[in-house]
Amino acid sequence: MSSLTITNDNFESEVLQSTLPVLLDFWAPWCGPCKMIGPLMDKIADEYSGRIKVGKINVDNEGDLAQRHGVASIPALFVYNNGEVAAQKNGAAPKHEIEGLFKNLL
């Protein structure tokens, strides 16, 4: 399972109503640090398939979602659990730090 593309149209169904924790990556194609963690996000999606969802939100296309989350710099990572923000982190991070955002929810 790879990362899901999250948009304003599917945010409620894929994130807020998800029965699994959701790791969101706010990113943009021109962002160097975003490109660095992109493969990590896909790897996490594969490794934790069935236990978490991983979604990517392109801030250039979904500026309203970024604004609602107060995203001022990217990458910005958010973990949702039961429709609520459970954790967040700004900036690129190694895989173990990203996993630390959601491991307590599994």
C-alpha atoms as a PDB file:
ATOM      1  CA  MET A   1       0.000   0.000   0.000  1.00  0.00           C
ATOM      2  CA  SER A   2       1.434   3.356  -0.923  1.00  0.00           C
ATOM      3  CA  SER A   3       0.566   6.819   0.301  1.00  0.00           C
ATOM      4  CA  LEU A   4      -2.900   8.194  -0.398  1.00  0.00           C
ATOM      5  CA  THR A   5      -3.410  11.551  -2.048  1.00  0.00           C
ATOM      6  CA  ILE A   6      -5.513  13.584   0.356  1.00  0.00           C
ATOM      7  CA  THR A   7      -7.587  16.464  -0.968  1.00  0.00           C
ATOM      8  CA  ASN A   8     -10.274  18.716   0.418  1.00  0.00           C
ATOM      9  CA  ASP A   9     -12.806  16.369  -1.227  1.00  0.00           C
ATOM     10  CA  ASN A  10     -11.663  13.195   0.568  1.00  0.00           C
ATOM     11  CA  PHE A  11     -10.215  14.647   3.809  1.00  0.00           C
ATOM     12  CA  GLU A  12     -13.286  13.879   5.894  1.00  0.00           C
ATOM     13  CA  SER A  13     -13.716  10.290   4.660  1.00  0.00           C
ATOM     14  CA  GLU A  14     -10.015   9.316   4.550  1.00  0.00           C
ATOM     15  CA  VAL A  15      -8.792  11.183   7.643  1.00  0.00           C
ATOM     16  CA  LEU A  16     -11.525  12.328  10.008  1.00  0.00           C
ATOM     17  CA  GLN A  17     -13.642   9.169   9.662  1.00  0.00           C
ATOM     18  CA  SER A  18     -10.717   6.727   9.473  1.00  0.00           C
ATOM     19  CA  THR A  19     -10.776   3.801  11.894  1.00  0.00           C
ATOM     20  CA  LEU A  20      -6.960   3.697  11.658  1.00  0.00           C
ATOM     21  CA  PRO A  21      -4.497   6.388  12.737  1.00  0.00           C
ATOM     22  CA  VAL A  22      -3.547   8.611   9.784  1.00  0.00           C
ATOM     23  CA  LEU A  23      -0.074  10.064   9.173  1.00  0.00           C
ATOM     24  CA  LEU A  24      -0.319  13.150   6.953  1.00  0.00           C
ATOM     25  CA  ASP A  25       2.565  14.716   5.057  1.00  0.00           C
ATOM     26  CA  PHE A  26       2.031  18.306   3.898  1.00  0.00           C
ATOM     27  CA  TRP A  27       4.481  18.717   1.011  1.00  0.00           C
ATOM     28  CA  ALA A  28       5.162  20.362  -2.351  1.00  0.00           C
ATOM     29  CA  PRO A  29       7.043  19.138  -5.433  1.00  0.00           C
ATOM     30  CA  TRP A  30       9.551  22.023  -5.250  1.00  0.00           C
ATOM     31  CA  CYS A  31      10.466  21.342  -1.584  1.00  0.00           C
ATOM     32  CA  GLY A  32      13.865  19.668  -1.143  1.00  0.00           C
ATOM     33  CA  PRO A  33      13.286  18.311   2.384  1.00  0.00           C
ATOM     34  CA  CYS A  34       9.867  17.017   1.220  1.00  0.00           C
ATOM     35  CA  LYS A  35      11.610  15.038  -1.519  1.00  0.00           C
ATOM     36  CA  MET A  36      13.964  13.610   1.104  1.00  0.00           C
ATOM     37  CA  ILE A  37      11.199  12.178   3.293  1.00  0.00           C
ATOM     38  CA  GLY A  38       8.865  11.167   0.441  1.00  0.00           C
ATOM     39  CA  PRO A  39      10.413   7.693   0.082  1.00  0.00           C
ATOM     40  CA  LEU A  40      10.303   7.262   3.880  1.00  0.00           C
ATOM     41  CA  MET A  41       6.596   8.011   3.885  1.00  0.00           C
ATOM     42  CA  ASP A  42       5.996   5.373   1.193  1.00  0.00           C
ATOM     43  CA  LYS A  43       8.126   2.871   3.130  1.00  0.00           C
ATOM     44  CA  ILE A  44       6.147   3.561   6.316  1.00  0.00           C
ATOM     45  CA  ALA A  45       2.900   3.132   4.354  1.00  0.00           C
ATOM     46  CA  ASP A  46       4.081  -0.288   3.185  1.00  0.00           C
ATOM     47  CA  GLU A  47       5.507  -1.448   6.521  1.00  0.00           C
ATOM     48  CA  TYR A  48       2.464  -0.400   8.557  1.00  0.00           C
ATOM     49  CA  SER A  49      -0.194  -1.308   5.987  1.00  0.00           C
ATOM     50  CA  GLY A  50      -3.417  -2.247   7.737  1.00  0.00           C
ATOM     51  CA  ARG A  51      -2.339  -0.508  10.958  1.00  0.00           C
ATOM     52  CA  ILE A  52      -2.070   3.125   9.798  1.00  0.00           C
ATOM     53  CA  LYS A  53      -2.908   5.165   6.720  1.00  0.00           C
ATOM     54  CA  VAL A  54      -0.345   7.482   5.188  1.00  0.00           C
ATOM     55  CA  GLY A  55      -1.604  10.467   3.238  1.00  0.00           C
ATOM     56  CA  LYS A  56       0.120  13.212   1.295  1.00  0.00           C
ATOM     57  CA  ILE A  57      -1.319  16.702   0.914  1.00  0.00           C
ATOM     58  CA  ASN A  58       0.184  18.875  -1.815  1.00  0.00           C
ATOM     59  CA  VAL A  59       0.061  22.389  -0.338  1.00  0.00           C
ATOM     60  CA  ASP A  60       0.137  23.972  -3.799  1.00  0.00           C
ATOM     61  CA  ASN A  61      -3.110  22.202  -4.708  1.00  0.00           C
ATOM     62  CA  GLU A  62      -4.734  22.096  -1.257  1.00  0.00           C
ATOM     63  CA  GLY A  63      -3.848  25.449   0.269  1.00  0.00           C
ATOM     64  CA  ASP A  64      -7.072  25.555   2.280  1.00  0.00           C
ATOM     65  CA  LEU A  65      -6.168  22.314   4.097  1.00  0.00           C
ATOM     66  CA  ALA A  66      -2.693  23.662   4.823  1.00  0.00           C
ATOM     67  CA  GLN A  67      -4.179  26.899   6.124  1.00  0.00           C
ATOM     68  CA  ARG A  68      -6.690  25.048   8.348  1.00  0.00           C
ATOM     69  CA  HIS A  69      -3.770  23.152   9.894  1.00  0.00           C
ATOM     70  CA  GLY A  70      -1.653  26.288  10.357  1.00  0.00           C
ATOM     71  CA  VAL A  71       1.090  24.929   8.107  1.00  0.00           C
ATOM     72  CA  ALA A  72       3.680  27.689   7.703  1.00  0.00           C
ATOM     73  CA  SER A  73       6.606  25.539   6.554  1.00  0.00           C
ATOM     74  CA  ILE A  74       6.911  22.153   4.907  1.00  0.00           C
ATOM     75  CA  PRO A  75       7.273  19.303   5.293  1.00  0.00           C
ATOM     76  CA  ALA A  76       4.757  19.268   8.116  1.00  0.00           C
ATOM     77  CA  LEU A  77       3.628  15.958   9.555  1.00  0.00           C
ATOM     78  CA  PHE A  78       0.355  15.433  11.407  1.00  0.00           C
ATOM     79  CA  VAL A  79      -1.015  12.272  12.987  1.00  0.00           C
ATOM     80  CA  TYR A  80      -4.775  11.968  13.302  1.00  0.00           C
ATOM     81  CA  ASN A  81      -6.421   9.438  15.585  1.00  0.00           C
ATOM     82  CA  ASN A  82     -10.198   9.183  15.975  1.00  0.00           C
ATOM     83  CA  GLY A  83     -10.671  12.393  13.986  1.00  0.00           C
ATOM     84  CA  GLU A  84      -8.351  14.463  16.206  1.00  0.00           C
ATOM     85  CA  VAL A  85      -4.756  15.637  15.802  1.00  0.00           C
ATOM     86  CA  ALA A  86      -2.709  13.378  18.085  1.00  0.00           C
ATOM     87  CA  ALA A  87       0.807  14.543  17.131  1.00  0.00           C
ATOM     88  CA  GLN A  88       2.601  16.857  14.747  1.00  0.00           C
ATOM     89  CA  LYS A  89       6.128  17.707  13.665  1.00  0.00           C
ATOM     90  CA  ASN A  90       7.582  20.324  11.349  1.00  0.00           C
ATOM     91  CA  GLY A  91      10.564  19.624   9.131  1.00  0.00           C
ATOM     92  CA  ALA A  92      12.230  16.560   7.717  1.00  0.00           C
ATOM     93  CA  ALA A  93      13.045  13.785  10.160  1.00  0.00           C
ATOM     94  CA  PRO A  94      14.590  10.316  10.090  1.00  0.00           C
ATOM     95  CA  LYS A  95      12.283   7.323   9.883  1.00  0.00           C
ATOM     96  CA  HIS A  96      12.476   6.458  13.596  1.00  0.00           C
ATOM     97  CA  GLU A  97      11.362   9.988  14.564  1.00  0.00           C
ATOM     98  CA  ILE A  98       8.427   9.829  12.154  1.00  0.00           C
ATOM     99  CA  GLU A  99       7.451   6.413  13.540  1.00  0.00           C
ATOM    100  CA  GLY A 100       7.641   7.875  17.049  1.00  0.00           C
ATOM    101  CA  LEU A 101       4.742  10.168  16.157  1.00  0.00           C
ATOM    102  CA  PHE A 102       2.301   7.258  15.837  1.00  0.00           C
ATOM    103  CA  LYS A 103       3.779   4.115  17.436  1.00  0.00           C
ATOM    104  CA  ASN A 104       1.936   4.700  20.720  1.00  0.00           C
ATOM    105  CA  LEU A 105      -1.372   4.576  18.781  1.00  0.00           C
ATOM    106  CA  LEU A 106      -0.844   1.083  17.327  1.00  0.00           C
END
